[in-house]
Amino acid sequence: MSDIIGYILITIGVLFDIFGCVGLVRFPDVYNRLQAATKCVTLGTIMLLVGVAVVAGINATCAKAIVCAVFILITSPTGAHAIARGAHISGVPLWKDSVVDKYADEVDKTTD
């Protein structure tokens, strides 16, 4: 039974990773692409690793998968935030149909 649950988690994780990769290709600007990379790929990779841990059982592979999942959970959003902030500071423009720029609003409030 745990093998079936593990394979279902692996399948869902791979699908999320595929959707995240499609988002990287299809979205119009760096900020939207970071959204796809951070949300979909982080969730997909963590589900894939949890599925591997469930299938492997309690052993060294399970421990490595959980450690990798925690590492990805911490570093992926942090890296995406740093890239987005660096892109904004360096003047990379938003997509022409973007509605709001919250970071620019925050910077305006702090300089007043």
PDB file of N, CA and C in Angstrom:
ATOM      1  N   MET A   1       0.817  -1.196   0.000  1.00  0.00           N
ATOM      2  CA  MET A   1       0.000   0.000   0.000  1.00  0.00           C
ATOM      3  C   MET A   1       0.859   1.258   0.000  1.00  0.00           C
ATOM      4  N   SER A   2       1.955   1.237   0.777  1.00  0.00           N
ATOM      5  CA  SER A   2       2.814   2.421   0.820  1.00  0.00           C
ATOM      6  C   SER A   2       3.512   2.642  -0.520  1.00  0.00           C
ATOM      7  N   ASP A   3       3.774   1.554  -1.257  1.00  0.00           N
ATOM      8  CA  ASP A   3       4.371   1.717  -2.582  1.00  0.00           C
ATOM      9  C   ASP A   3       3.431   2.474  -3.516  1.00  0.00           C
ATOM     10  N   ILE A   4       2.158   2.158  -3.460  1.00  0.00           N
ATOM     11  CA  ILE A   4       1.179   2.834  -4.316  1.00  0.00           C
ATOM     12  C   ILE A   4       1.105   4.317  -3.967  1.00  0.00           C
ATOM     13  N   ILE A   5       1.054   4.629  -2.682  1.00  0.00           N
ATOM     14  CA  ILE A   5       1.022   6.034  -2.256  1.00  0.00           C
ATOM     15  C   ILE A   5       2.300   6.748  -2.691  1.00  0.00           C
ATOM     16  N   GLY A   6       3.434   6.088  -2.538  1.00  0.00           N
ATOM     17  CA  GLY A   6       4.708   6.672  -2.953  1.00  0.00           C
ATOM     18  C   GLY A   6       4.745   6.952  -4.451  1.00  0.00           C
ATOM     19  N   TYR A   7       4.272   6.001  -5.258  1.00  0.00           N
ATOM     20  CA  TYR A   7       4.271   6.207  -6.711  1.00  0.00           C
ATOM     21  C   TYR A   7       3.283   7.293  -7.124  1.00  0.00           C
ATOM     22  N   ILE A   8       2.179   7.408  -6.410  1.00  0.00           N
ATOM     23  CA  ILE A   8       1.231   8.501  -6.697  1.00  0.00           C
ATOM     24  C   ILE A   8       1.883   9.846  -6.389  1.00  0.00           C
ATOM     25  N   LEU A   9       2.579   9.954  -5.254  1.00  0.00           N
ATOM     26  CA  LEU A   9       3.286  11.191  -4.914  1.00  0.00           C
ATOM     27  C   LEU A   9       4.373  11.507  -5.937  1.00  0.00           C
ATOM     28  N   ILE A  10       5.095  10.506  -6.386  1.00  0.00           N
ATOM     29  CA  ILE A  10       6.133  10.709  -7.399  1.00  0.00           C
ATOM     30  C   ILE A  10       5.511  11.214  -8.703  1.00  0.00           C
ATOM     31  N   THR A  11       4.397  10.620  -9.104  1.00  0.00           N
ATOM     32  CA  THR A  11       3.725  11.038 -10.333  1.00  0.00           C
ATOM     33  C   THR A  11       3.230  12.481 -10.230  1.00  0.00           C
ATOM     34  N   ILE A  12       2.610  12.812  -9.113  1.00  0.00           N
ATOM     35  CA  ILE A  12       2.141  14.191  -8.917  1.00  0.00           C
ATOM     36  C   ILE A  12       3.320  15.156  -8.905  1.00  0.00           C
ATOM     37  N   GLY A  13       4.412  14.773  -8.268  1.00  0.00           N
ATOM     38  CA  GLY A  13       5.603  15.612  -8.240  1.00  0.00           C
ATOM     39  C   GLY A  13       6.191  15.846  -9.621  1.00  0.00           C
ATOM     40  N   VAL A  14       6.252  14.798 -10.430  1.00  0.00           N
ATOM     41  CA  VAL A  14       6.763  14.946 -11.795  1.00  0.00           C
ATOM     42  C   VAL A  14       5.843  15.854 -12.607  1.00  0.00           C
ATOM     43  N   LEU A  15       4.534  15.722 -12.433  1.00  0.00           N
ATOM     44  CA  LEU A  15       3.599  16.592 -13.159  1.00  0.00           C
ATOM     45  C   LEU A  15       3.781  18.056 -12.756  1.00  0.00           C
ATOM     46  N   PHE A  16       3.931  18.321 -11.462  1.00  0.00           N
ATOM     47  CA  PHE A  16       4.182  19.694 -11.022  1.00  0.00           C
ATOM     48  C   PHE A  16       5.486  20.227 -11.609  1.00  0.00           C
ATOM     49  N   ASP A  17       6.521  19.381 -11.645  1.00  0.00           N
ATOM     50  CA  ASP A  17       7.790  19.808 -12.238  1.00  0.00           C
ATOM     51  C   ASP A  17       7.629  20.127 -13.722  1.00  0.00           C
ATOM     52  N   ILE A  18       6.865  19.321 -14.429  1.00  0.00           N
ATOM     53  CA  ILE A  18       6.627  19.577 -15.858  1.00  0.00           C
ATOM     54  C   ILE A  18       5.870  20.883 -16.041  1.00  0.00           C
ATOM     55  N   PHE A  19       4.828  21.105 -15.225  1.00  0.00           N
ATOM     56  CA  PHE A  19       4.071  22.362 -15.335  1.00  0.00           C
ATOM     57  C   PHE A  19       4.959  23.567 -15.009  1.00  0.00           C
ATOM     58  N   GLY A  20       5.847  23.431 -14.051  1.00  0.00           N
ATOM     59  CA  GLY A  20       6.775  24.512 -13.734  1.00  0.00           C
ATOM     60  C   GLY A  20       7.728  24.799 -14.880  1.00  0.00           C
ATOM     61  N   CYS A  21       8.201  23.758 -15.538  1.00  0.00           N
ATOM     62  CA  CYS A  21       9.087  23.951 -16.693  1.00  0.00           C
ATOM     63  C   CYS A  21       8.352  24.588 -17.861  1.00  0.00           C
ATOM     64  N   VAL A  22       7.111  24.204 -18.070  1.00  0.00           N
ATOM     65  CA  VAL A  22       6.301  24.846 -19.116  1.00  0.00           C
ATOM     66  C   VAL A  22       6.102  26.319 -18.779  1.00  0.00           C
ATOM     67  N   GLY A  23       5.877  26.639 -17.522  1.00  0.00           N
ATOM     68  CA  GLY A  23       5.736  28.024 -17.096  1.00  0.00           C
ATOM     69  C   GLY A  23       7.008  28.826 -17.333  1.00  0.00           C
ATOM     70  N   LEU A  24       8.169  28.198 -17.146  1.00  0.00           N
ATOM     71  CA  LEU A  24       9.424  28.893 -17.413  1.00  0.00           C
ATOM     72  C   LEU A  24       9.556  29.287 -18.879  1.00  0.00           C
ATOM     73  N   VAL A  25       9.012  28.479 -19.749  1.00  0.00           N
ATOM     74  CA  VAL A  25       9.098  28.765 -21.182  1.00  0.00           C
ATOM     75  C   VAL A  25       7.999  29.731 -21.619  1.00  0.00           C
ATOM     76  N   ARG A  26       6.817  29.612 -21.069  1.00  0.00           N
ATOM     77  CA  ARG A  26       5.656  30.343 -21.565  1.00  0.00           C
ATOM     78  C   ARG A  26       5.425  31.718 -20.940  1.00  0.00           C
ATOM     79  N   PHE A  27       5.835  31.922 -19.701  1.00  0.00           N
ATOM     80  CA  PHE A  27       5.535  33.190 -19.043  1.00  0.00           C
ATOM     81  C   PHE A  27       6.368  34.326 -19.626  1.00  0.00           C
ATOM     82  N   PRO A  28       5.836  35.562 -19.598  1.00  0.00           N
ATOM     83  CA  PRO A  28       6.430  36.649 -20.375  1.00  0.00           C
ATOM     84  C   PRO A  28       7.652  37.346 -19.778  1.00  0.00           C
ATOM     85  N   ASP A  29       7.792  37.398 -18.464  1.00  0.00           N
ATOM     86  CA  ASP A  29       8.925  38.129 -17.902  1.00  0.00           C
ATOM     87  C   ASP A  29       9.564  37.347 -16.762  1.00  0.00           C
ATOM     88  N   VAL A  30      10.666  37.888 -16.269  1.00  0.00           N
ATOM     89  CA  VAL A  30      11.448  37.180 -15.262  1.00  0.00           C
ATOM     90  C   VAL A  30      10.657  36.968 -13.974  1.00  0.00           C
ATOM     91  N   TYR A  31       9.805  37.897 -13.624  1.00  0.00           N
ATOM     92  CA  TYR A  31       9.063  37.790 -12.365  1.00  0.00           C
ATOM     93  C   TYR A  31       8.010  36.674 -12.436  1.00  0.00           C
ATOM     94  N   ASN A  32       7.308  36.580 -13.543  1.00  0.00           N
ATOM     95  CA  ASN A  32       6.333  35.490 -13.713  1.00  0.00           C
ATOM     96  C   ASN A  32       7.038  34.144 -13.821  1.00  0.00           C
ATOM     97  N   ARG A  33       8.187  34.124 -14.464  1.00  0.00           N
ATOM     98  CA  ARG A  33       8.940  32.872 -14.578  1.00  0.00           C
ATOM     99  C   ARG A  33       9.433  32.410 -13.217  1.00  0.00           C
ATOM    100  N   LEU A  34       9.833  33.342 -12.387  1.00  0.00           N
ATOM    101  CA  LEU A  34      10.244  32.971 -11.026  1.00  0.00           C
ATOM    102  C   LEU A  34       9.080  32.387 -10.241  1.00  0.00           C
ATOM    103  N   GLN A  35       7.886  32.904 -10.493  1.00  0.00           N
ATOM    104  CA  GLN A  35       6.687  32.359  -9.847  1.00  0.00           C
ATOM    105  C   GLN A  35       6.529  30.877 -10.198  1.00  0.00           C
ATOM    106  N   ALA A  36       6.650  30.565 -11.495  1.00  0.00           N
ATOM    107  CA  ALA A  36       6.519  29.170 -11.932  1.00  0.00           C
ATOM    108  C   ALA A  36       7.622  28.309 -11.336  1.00  0.00           C
ATOM    109  N   ALA A  37       8.833  28.818 -11.366  1.00  0.00           N
ATOM    110  CA  ALA A  37       9.959  28.035 -10.859  1.00  0.00           C
ATOM    111  C   ALA A  37       9.848  27.793  -9.366  1.00  0.00           C
ATOM    112  N   THR A  38       9.437  28.801  -8.636  1.00  0.00           N
ATOM    113  CA  THR A  38       9.404  28.667  -7.183  1.00  0.00           C
ATOM    114  C   THR A  38       8.243  27.807  -6.720  1.00  0.00           C
ATOM    115  N   LYS A  39       7.048  28.118  -7.179  1.00  0.00           N
ATOM    116  CA  LYS A  39       5.866  27.404  -6.669  1.00  0.00           C
ATOM    117  C   LYS A  39       5.815  25.968  -7.190  1.00  0.00           C
ATOM    118  N   CYS A  40       5.769  25.817  -8.497  1.00  0.00           N
ATOM    119  CA  CYS A  40       5.551  24.489  -9.078  1.00  0.00           C
ATOM    120  C   CYS A  40       6.733  23.561  -8.861  1.00  0.00           C
ATOM    121  N   VAL A  41       7.915  24.039  -9.163  1.00  0.00           N
ATOM    122  CA  VAL A  41       9.065  23.147  -9.094  1.00  0.00           C
ATOM    123  C   VAL A  41       9.409  22.812  -7.647  1.00  0.00           C
ATOM    124  N   THR A  42       9.265  23.745  -6.732  1.00  0.00           N
ATOM    125  CA  THR A  42       9.527  23.434  -5.325  1.00  0.00           C
ATOM    126  C   THR A  42       8.531  22.398  -4.815  1.00  0.00           C
ATOM    127  N   LEU A  43       7.254  22.635  -5.044  1.00  0.00           N
ATOM    128  CA  LEU A  43       6.246  21.673  -4.596  1.00  0.00           C
ATOM    129  C   LEU A  43       6.426  20.326  -5.289  1.00  0.00           C
ATOM    130  N   GLY A  44       6.675  20.354  -6.591  1.00  0.00           N
ATOM    131  CA  GLY A  44       6.844  19.109  -7.336  1.00  0.00           C
ATOM    132  C   GLY A  44       8.040  18.312  -6.867  1.00  0.00           C
ATOM    133  N   THR A  45       9.164  18.964  -6.677  1.00  0.00           N
ATOM    134  CA  THR A  45      10.368  18.264  -6.251  1.00  0.00           C
ATOM    135  C   THR A  45      10.220  17.723  -4.831  1.00  0.00           C
ATOM    136  N   ILE A  46       9.581  18.477  -3.969  1.00  0.00           N
ATOM    137  CA  ILE A  46       9.373  17.984  -2.601  1.00  0.00           C
ATOM    138  C   ILE A  46       8.426  16.782  -2.608  1.00  0.00           C
ATOM    139  N   MET A  47       7.367  16.844  -3.405  1.00  0.00           N
ATOM    140  CA  MET A  47       6.465  15.681  -3.489  1.00  0.00           C
ATOM    141  C   MET A  47       7.196  14.469  -4.052  1.00  0.00           C
ATOM    142  N   LEU A  48       8.042  14.694  -5.038  1.00  0.00           N
ATOM    143  CA  LEU A  48       8.813  13.598  -5.620  1.00  0.00           C
ATOM    144  C   LEU A  48       9.734  12.981  -4.567  1.00  0.00           C
ATOM    145  N   LEU A  49      10.400  13.812  -3.793  1.00  0.00           N
ATOM    146  CA  LEU A  49      11.301  13.297  -2.768  1.00  0.00           C
ATOM    147  C   LEU A  49      10.547  12.603  -1.635  1.00  0.00           C
ATOM    148  N   VAL A  50       9.392  13.123  -1.266  1.00  0.00           N
ATOM    149  CA  VAL A  50       8.585  12.455  -0.243  1.00  0.00           C
ATOM    150  C   VAL A  50       8.099  11.101  -0.767  1.00  0.00           C
ATOM    151  N   GLY A  51       7.713  11.052  -2.041  1.00  0.00           N
ATOM    152  CA  GLY A  51       7.326   9.781  -2.649  1.00  0.00           C
ATOM    153  C   GLY A  51       8.458   8.771  -2.634  1.00  0.00           C
ATOM    154  N   VAL A  52       9.668   9.214  -2.923  1.00  0.00           N
ATOM    155  CA  VAL A  52      10.837   8.337  -2.869  1.00  0.00           C
ATOM    156  C   VAL A  52      11.055   7.847  -1.435  1.00  0.00           C
ATOM    157  N   ALA A  53      10.887   8.743  -0.469  1.00  0.00           N
ATOM    158  CA  ALA A  53      11.060   8.346   0.933  1.00  0.00           C
ATOM    159  C   ALA A  53      10.020   7.311   1.345  1.00  0.00           C
ATOM    160  N   VAL A  54       8.785   7.479   0.866  1.00  0.00           N
ATOM    161  CA  VAL A  54       7.726   6.513   1.208  1.00  0.00           C
ATOM    162  C   VAL A  54       8.018   5.156   0.571  1.00  0.00           C
ATOM    163  N   VAL A  55       8.441   5.156  -0.688  1.00  0.00           N
ATOM    164  CA  VAL A  55       8.725   3.889  -1.370  1.00  0.00           C
ATOM    165  C   VAL A  55       9.946   3.209  -0.762  1.00  0.00           C
ATOM    166  N   ALA A  56      10.970   3.989  -0.401  1.00  0.00           N
ATOM    167  CA  ALA A  56      12.206   3.406   0.115  1.00  0.00           C
ATOM    168  C   ALA A  56      12.047   2.831   1.513  1.00  0.00           C
ATOM    169  N   GLY A  57      11.117   3.355   2.275  1.00  0.00           N
ATOM    170  CA  GLY A  57      10.966   2.887   3.655  1.00  0.00           C
ATOM    171  C   GLY A  57      11.949   3.612   4.557  1.00  0.00           C
ATOM    172  N   ILE A  58      12.081   3.127   5.784  1.00  0.00           N
ATOM    173  CA  ILE A  58      12.967   3.772   6.756  1.00  0.00           C
ATOM    174  C   ILE A  58      14.379   3.235   6.538  1.00  0.00           C
ATOM    175  N   ASN A  59      15.193   4.022   5.844  1.00  0.00           N
ATOM    176  CA  ASN A  59      16.597   3.674   5.634  1.00  0.00           C
ATOM    177  C   ASN A  59      17.364   4.931   5.246  1.00  0.00           C
ATOM    178  N   ALA A  60      18.583   4.761   4.777  1.00  0.00           N
ATOM    179  CA  ALA A  60      19.423   5.911   4.434  1.00  0.00           C
ATOM    180  C   ALA A  60      18.849   6.708   3.270  1.00  0.00           C
ATOM    181  N   THR A  61      18.234   6.041   2.312  1.00  0.00           N
ATOM    182  CA  THR A  61      17.639   6.741   1.172  1.00  0.00           C
ATOM    183  C   THR A  61      16.512   7.653   1.628  1.00  0.00           C
ATOM    184  N   CYS A  62      15.714   7.194   2.549  1.00  0.00           N
ATOM    185  CA  CYS A  62      14.634   8.006   3.104  1.00  0.00           C
ATOM    186  C   CYS A  62      15.196   9.242   3.800  1.00  0.00           C
ATOM    187  N   ALA A  63      16.216   9.080   4.580  1.00  0.00           N
ATOM    188  CA  ALA A  63      16.821  10.206   5.288  1.00  0.00           C
ATOM    189  C   ALA A  63      17.404  11.223   4.312  1.00  0.00           C
ATOM    190  N   LYS A  64      18.073  10.738   3.270  1.00  0.00           N
ATOM    191  CA  LYS A  64      18.637  11.643   2.271  1.00  0.00           C
ATOM    192  C   LYS A  64      17.544  12.403   1.527  1.00  0.00           C
ATOM    193  N   ALA A  65      16.449  11.719   1.207  1.00  0.00           N
ATOM    194  CA  ALA A  65      15.347  12.369   0.503  1.00  0.00           C
ATOM    195  C   ALA A  65      14.715  13.461   1.363  1.00  0.00           C
ATOM    196  N   ILE A  66      14.533  13.194   2.639  1.00  0.00           N
ATOM    197  CA  ILE A  66      13.945  14.194   3.540  1.00  0.00           C
ATOM    198  C   ILE A  66      14.887  15.381   3.727  1.00  0.00           C
ATOM    199  N   VAL A  67      16.184  15.126   3.860  1.00  0.00           N
ATOM    200  CA  VAL A  67      17.152  16.216   3.995  1.00  0.00           C
ATOM    201  C   VAL A  67      17.158  17.076   2.727  1.00  0.00           C
ATOM    202  N   CYS A  68      17.127  16.445   1.562  1.00  0.00           N
ATOM    203  CA  CYS A  68      17.086  17.190   0.299  1.00  0.00           C
ATOM    204  C   CYS A  68      15.799  18.006   0.184  1.00  0.00           C
ATOM    205  N   ALA A  69      14.671  17.444   0.617  1.00  0.00           N
ATOM    206  CA  ALA A  69      13.397  18.165   0.556  1.00  0.00           C
ATOM    207  C   ALA A  69      13.438  19.403   1.451  1.00  0.00           C
ATOM    208  N   VAL A  70      13.979  19.282   2.640  1.00  0.00           N
ATOM    209  CA  VAL A  70      14.086  20.425   3.542  1.00  0.00           C
ATOM    210  C   VAL A  70      15.018  21.477   2.945  1.00  0.00           C
ATOM    211  N   PHE A  71      16.122  21.047   2.353  1.00  0.00           N
ATOM    212  CA  PHE A  71      17.063  21.964   1.718  1.00  0.00           C
ATOM    213  C   PHE A  71      16.388  22.738   0.583  1.00  0.00           C
ATOM    214  N   ILE A  72      15.643  22.045  -0.262  1.00  0.00           N
ATOM    215  CA  ILE A  72      14.941  22.703  -1.371  1.00  0.00           C
ATOM    216  C   ILE A  72      13.864  23.645  -0.836  1.00  0.00           C
ATOM    217  N   LEU A  73      13.164  23.238   0.200  1.00  0.00           N
ATOM    218  CA  LEU A  73      12.117  24.076   0.787  1.00  0.00           C
ATOM    219  C   LEU A  73      12.683  25.399   1.316  1.00  0.00           C
ATOM    220  N   ILE A  74      13.891  25.383   1.803  1.00  0.00           N
ATOM    221  CA  ILE A  74      14.506  26.602   2.333  1.00  0.00           C
ATOM    222  C   ILE A  74      15.168  27.431   1.235  1.00  0.00           C
ATOM    223  N   THR A  75      15.934  26.791   0.358  1.00  0.00           N
ATOM    224  CA  THR A  75      16.762  27.538  -0.587  1.00  0.00           C
ATOM    225  C   THR A  75      16.026  28.020  -1.831  1.00  0.00           C
ATOM    226  N   SER A  76      15.048  27.295  -2.308  1.00  0.00           N
ATOM    227  CA  SER A  76      14.381  27.701  -3.551  1.00  0.00           C
ATOM    228  C   SER A  76      13.626  29.026  -3.412  1.00  0.00           C
ATOM    229  N   PRO A  77      12.755  29.200  -2.425  1.00  0.00           N
ATOM    230  CA  PRO A  77      12.097  30.503  -2.286  1.00  0.00           C
ATOM    231  C   PRO A  77      13.069  31.636  -1.945  1.00  0.00           C
ATOM    232  N   THR A  78      14.096  31.330  -1.163  1.00  0.00           N
ATOM    233  CA  THR A  78      15.081  32.351  -0.818  1.00  0.00           C
ATOM    234  C   THR A  78      15.850  32.810  -2.050  1.00  0.00           C
ATOM    235  N   GLY A  79      16.256  31.867  -2.876  1.00  0.00           N
ATOM    236  CA  GLY A  79      16.959  32.210  -4.109  1.00  0.00           C
ATOM    237  C   GLY A  79      16.082  32.972  -5.083  1.00  0.00           C
ATOM    238  N   ALA A  80      14.833  32.573  -5.208  1.00  0.00           N
ATOM    239  CA  ALA A  80      13.910  33.274  -6.107  1.00  0.00           C
ATOM    240  C   ALA A  80      13.667  34.702  -5.633  1.00  0.00           C
ATOM    241  N   HIS A  81      13.560  34.888  -4.322  1.00  0.00           N
ATOM    242  CA  HIS A  81      13.382  36.234  -3.787  1.00  0.00           C
ATOM    243  C   HIS A  81      14.603  37.101  -4.097  1.00  0.00           C
ATOM    244  N   ALA A  82      15.789  36.545  -3.924  1.00  0.00           N
ATOM    245  CA  ALA A  82      17.013  37.300  -4.199  1.00  0.00           C
ATOM    246  C   ALA A  82      17.120  37.655  -5.679  1.00  0.00           C
ATOM    247  N   ILE A  83      16.766  36.726  -6.548  1.00  0.00           N
ATOM    248  CA  ILE A  83      16.811  37.002  -7.983  1.00  0.00           C
ATOM    249  C   ILE A  83      15.794  38.074  -8.363  1.00  0.00           C
ATOM    250  N   ALA A  84      14.580  37.980  -7.829  1.00  0.00           N
ATOM    251  CA  ALA A  84      13.543  38.969  -8.149  1.00  0.00           C
ATOM    252  C   ALA A  84      13.932  40.350  -7.631  1.00  0.00           C
ATOM    253  N   ARG A  85      14.461  40.410  -6.440  1.00  0.00           N
ATOM    254  CA  ARG A  85      14.870  41.710  -5.878  1.00  0.00           C
ATOM    255  C   ARG A  85      16.020  42.294  -6.679  1.00  0.00           C
ATOM    256  N   GLY A  86      16.990  41.458  -7.046  1.00  0.00           N
ATOM    257  CA  GLY A  86      18.105  41.921  -7.860  1.00  0.00           C
ATOM    258  C   GLY A  86      17.657  42.388  -9.237  1.00  0.00           C
ATOM    259  N   ALA A  87      16.714  41.673  -9.834  1.00  0.00           N
ATOM    260  CA  ALA A  87      16.186  42.082 -11.138  1.00  0.00           C
ATOM    261  C   ALA A  87      15.451  43.412 -11.031  1.00  0.00           C
ATOM    262  N   HIS A  88      14.689  43.588  -9.963  1.00  0.00           N
ATOM    263  CA  HIS A  88      13.945  44.837  -9.789  1.00  0.00           C
ATOM    264  C   HIS A  88      14.886  46.012  -9.552  1.00  0.00           C
ATOM    265  N   ILE A  89      15.883  45.806  -8.719  1.00  0.00           N
ATOM    266  CA  ILE A  89      16.838  46.874  -8.426  1.00  0.00           C
ATOM    267  C   ILE A  89      17.646  47.241  -9.672  1.00  0.00           C
ATOM    268  N   SER A  90      17.987  46.251 -10.490  1.00  0.00           N
ATOM    269  CA  SER A  90      18.782  46.535 -11.687  1.00  0.00           C
ATOM    270  C   SER A  90      17.938  47.088 -12.834  1.00  0.00           C
ATOM    271  N   GLY A  91      16.629  47.175 -12.637  1.00  0.00           N
ATOM    272  CA  GLY A  91      15.782  47.845 -13.620  1.00  0.00           C
ATOM    273  C   GLY A  91      15.155  46.945 -14.676  1.00  0.00           C
ATOM    274  N   VAL A  92      15.088  45.649 -14.426  1.00  0.00           N
ATOM    275  CA  VAL A  92      14.420  44.762 -15.381  1.00  0.00           C
ATOM    276  C   VAL A  92      12.929  45.106 -15.367  1.00  0.00           C
ATOM    277  N   PRO A  93      12.372  45.453 -16.533  1.00  0.00           N
ATOM    278  CA  PRO A  93      10.977  45.912 -16.542  1.00  0.00           C
ATOM    279  C   PRO A  93       9.988  44.775 -16.325  1.00  0.00           C
ATOM    280  N   LEU A  94       8.848  45.138 -15.749  1.00  0.00           N
ATOM    281  CA  LEU A  94       7.750  44.189 -15.625  1.00  0.00           C
ATOM    282  C   LEU A  94       7.108  44.001 -16.993  1.00  0.00           C
ATOM    283  N   TRP A  95       6.310  42.965 -17.109  1.00  0.00           N
ATOM    284  CA  TRP A  95       5.556  42.708 -18.325  1.00  0.00           C
ATOM    285  C   TRP A  95       4.619  43.882 -18.566  1.00  0.00           C
ATOM    286  N   LYS A  96       4.379  44.238 -19.824  1.00  0.00           N
ATOM    287  CA  LYS A  96       3.590  45.428 -20.154  1.00  0.00           C
ATOM    288  C   LYS A  96       2.172  45.370 -19.611  1.00  0.00           C
ATOM    289  N   ASP A  97       1.616  44.199 -19.396  1.00  0.00           N
ATOM    290  CA  ASP A  97       0.252  44.075 -18.872  1.00  0.00           C
ATOM    291  C   ASP A  97       0.211  43.852 -17.359  1.00  0.00           C
ATOM    292  N   SER A  98       1.329  44.028 -16.676  1.00  0.00           N
ATOM    293  CA  SER A  98       1.335  43.895 -15.216  1.00  0.00           C
ATOM    294  C   SER A  98       0.489  44.998 -14.596  1.00  0.00           C
ATOM    295  N   VAL A  99      -0.210  44.662 -13.545  1.00  0.00           N
ATOM    296  CA  VAL A  99      -1.168  45.584 -12.951  1.00  0.00           C
ATOM    297  C   VAL A  99      -0.539  46.411 -11.839  1.00  0.00           C
ATOM    298  N   VAL A 100       0.268  45.798 -10.988  1.00  0.00           N
ATOM    299  CA  VAL A 100       0.773  46.498  -9.813  1.00  0.00           C
ATOM    300  C   VAL A 100       2.227  46.085  -9.556  1.00  0.00           C
ATOM    301  N   ASP A 101       2.969  47.002  -8.977  1.00  0.00           N
ATOM    302  CA  ASP A 101       4.343  46.741  -8.581  1.00  0.00           C
ATOM    303  C   ASP A 101       4.462  47.054  -7.088  1.00  0.00           C
ATOM    304  N   LYS A 102       4.222  46.070  -6.249  1.00  0.00           N
ATOM    305  CA  LYS A 102       4.212  46.263  -4.802  1.00  0.00           C
ATOM    306  C   LYS A 102       5.582  46.661  -4.262  1.00  0.00           C
ATOM    307  N   TYR A 103       6.649  46.129  -4.859  1.00  0.00           N
ATOM    308  CA  TYR A 103       7.975  46.467  -4.356  1.00  0.00           C
ATOM    309  C   TYR A 103       8.274  47.946  -4.586  1.00  0.00           C
ATOM    310  N   ALA A 104       7.895  48.484  -5.731  1.00  0.00           N
ATOM    311  CA  ALA A 104       8.103  49.914  -5.989  1.00  0.00           C
ATOM    312  C   ALA A 104       7.285  50.752  -5.015  1.00  0.00           C
ATOM    313  N   ASP A 105       6.069  50.312  -4.690  1.00  0.00           N
ATOM    314  CA  ASP A 105       5.255  51.024  -3.705  1.00  0.00           C
ATOM    315  C   ASP A 105       5.936  51.040  -2.339  1.00  0.00           C
ATOM    316  N   GLU A 106       6.544  49.907  -1.931  1.00  0.00           N
ATOM    317  CA  GLU A 106       7.237  49.843  -0.645  1.00  0.00           C
ATOM    318  C   GLU A 106       8.458  50.751  -0.638  1.00  0.00           C
ATOM    319  N   VAL A 107       9.202  50.785  -1.748  1.00  0.00           N
ATOM    320  CA  VAL A 107      10.381  51.636  -1.819  1.00  0.00           C
ATOM    321  C   VAL A 107       9.977  53.104  -1.745  1.00  0.00           C
ATOM    322  N   ASP A 108       8.869  53.466  -2.403  1.00  0.00           N
ATOM    323  CA  ASP A 108       8.376  54.836  -2.354  1.00  0.00           C
ATOM    324  C   ASP A 108       7.990  55.245  -0.939  1.00  0.00           C
ATOM    325  N   LYS A 109       7.396  54.329  -0.175  1.00  0.00           N
ATOM    326  CA  LYS A 109       6.987  54.636   1.203  1.00  0.00           C
ATOM    327  C   LYS A 109       8.197  54.863   2.109  1.00  0.00           C
ATOM    328  N   THR A 110       9.266  54.104   1.886  1.00  0.00           N
ATOM    329  CA  THR A 110      10.437  54.230   2.759  1.00  0.00           C
ATOM    330  C   THR A 110      11.263  55.468   2.426  1.00  0.00           C
ATOM    331  N   THR A 111      11.172  55.962   1.186  1.00  0.00           N
ATOM    332  CA  THR A 111      11.955  57.149   0.832  1.00  0.00           C
ATOM    333  C   THR A 111      11.238  58.439   1.195  1.00  0.00           C
ATOM    334  N   ASP A 112       9.957  58.371   1.479  1.00  0.00           N
ATOM    335  CA  ASP A 112       9.187  59.592   1.842  1.00  0.00           C
ATOM    336  C   ASP A 112       9.467  60.041   3.241  1.00  0.00           C
TER     337      ASP A 112
END
